[in-house]
Protein backbone atom coordinates (compact mmCIF):
# COMPACT_ATOMS: atom_id res chain seq x y z
CA UNK A 1 23.13 -5.80 -73.03
CA UNK A 2 24.39 -9.28 -73.51
CA UNK A 3 26.43 -11.75 -75.48
CA UNK A 4 25.42 -15.25 -76.49
CA UNK A 5 28.23 -17.46 -77.75
CA UNK A 6 28.72 -20.92 -79.14
CA UNK A 7 32.11 -22.22 -78.06
CA UNK A 8 34.20 -25.14 -79.27
CA UNK A 9 36.20 -27.19 -76.81
CA UNK A 10 35.72 -28.20 -73.23
CA UNK A 11 33.86 -31.32 -72.20
CA UNK A 12 31.42 -31.21 -75.15
CA UNK A 13 31.92 -30.55 -78.87
CA UNK A 14 29.84 -27.34 -78.61
CA UNK A 15 28.84 -25.24 -75.64
CA UNK A 16 26.25 -22.46 -75.45
CA UNK A 17 27.21 -19.74 -73.04
CA UNK A 18 26.70 -16.06 -72.50
CA UNK A 19 27.01 -12.99 -70.36
CA UNK A 20 24.17 -10.59 -69.53
CA UNK A 21 24.67 -7.16 -68.00
CA UNK A 22 21.58 -6.42 -65.93
CA UNK A 23 20.64 -3.34 -63.94
CA UNK A 24 19.93 -4.03 -60.28
CA UNK A 25 20.59 -7.02 -58.08
CA UNK A 26 17.87 -9.39 -59.31
CA UNK A 27 17.22 -11.07 -62.65
CA UNK A 28 14.12 -9.42 -64.17
CA UNK A 29 11.09 -11.71 -64.61
CA UNK A 30 11.17 -11.33 -68.40
CA UNK A 31 14.65 -12.90 -68.41
CA UNK A 32 13.96 -15.42 -65.66
CA UNK A 33 11.49 -18.29 -65.64
CA UNK A 34 8.39 -16.17 -66.40
CA UNK A 35 9.76 -14.95 -69.72
CA UNK A 36 12.20 -17.65 -70.76
CA UNK A 37 11.41 -21.36 -70.77
CA UNK A 38 15.12 -22.17 -71.22
CA UNK A 39 16.12 -20.29 -68.04
CA UNK A 40 16.19 -23.49 -65.97
CA UNK A 41 18.53 -25.20 -68.46
CA UNK A 42 21.43 -22.83 -67.76
CA UNK A 43 23.72 -22.36 -64.79
CA UNK A 44 23.46 -18.75 -63.63
CA UNK A 45 25.89 -16.92 -61.40
CA UNK A 46 26.34 -13.32 -60.46
CA UNK A 47 29.64 -11.73 -61.41
CA UNK A 48 31.10 -8.67 -59.69
CA UNK A 49 33.46 -7.07 -62.22
CA UNK A 50 33.88 -3.96 -60.06
CA UNK A 51 35.27 -5.74 -56.99
CA UNK A 52 36.70 -8.94 -58.48
CA UNK A 53 39.58 -8.95 -60.98
CA UNK A 54 38.69 -12.51 -62.04
CA UNK A 55 35.05 -11.57 -62.76
CA UNK A 56 36.17 -8.46 -64.65
CA UNK A 57 38.44 -10.61 -66.85
CA UNK A 58 35.55 -13.02 -67.57
CA UNK A 59 33.17 -10.16 -68.56
CA UNK A 60 35.81 -8.50 -70.76
CA UNK A 61 36.49 -11.85 -72.41
CA UNK A 62 32.80 -12.32 -73.31
CA UNK A 63 32.39 -8.73 -74.53
CA UNK A 64 35.46 -8.96 -76.79
CA UNK A 65 33.23 -11.16 -79.00
CA UNK A 66 35.14 -13.15 -81.53
CA UNK A 67 38.25 -13.82 -79.50
CA UNK A 68 38.59 -16.95 -77.42
CA UNK A 69 36.33 -16.81 -74.35
CA UNK A 70 37.61 -17.28 -70.81
CA UNK A 71 34.56 -19.41 -70.00
CA UNK A 72 35.05 -20.37 -66.36
CA UNK A 73 37.78 -17.97 -65.36
CA UNK A 74 40.46 -20.56 -66.10
CA UNK A 75 39.94 -22.14 -69.53
CA UNK A 76 39.80 -20.30 -72.84
CA UNK A 77 37.49 -21.89 -75.38
CA UNK A 78 37.32 -21.09 -79.08
CA UNK A 79 34.50 -18.73 -80.09
CA UNK A 80 32.67 -20.39 -83.01
CA UNK A 81 29.55 -18.22 -83.39
CA UNK A 82 27.21 -15.97 -81.46
CA UNK A 83 25.49 -12.63 -81.21
CA UNK A 84 25.48 -9.41 -79.21
CA UNK A 85 22.25 -7.75 -78.22
CA UNK A 86 21.08 -4.65 -76.39
């Protein structure tokens, strides 16, 4: 399951961002470099919404889809467009 969003605001006029919920502790090869040429263009970080209130807020913000997105845990950016996928 995941969310891909286009946000307005921040340091650039538009920003592509997203949140993927993955099973396990590693990124599967079909999502990582082997299956996605754009993988290296994004900054990836693991979130722990179970043990971190800040990470939980970030994930909930992305999954609310359509509301402003708490992109980096501090700054809300306007959701302009995007998609949800399973």
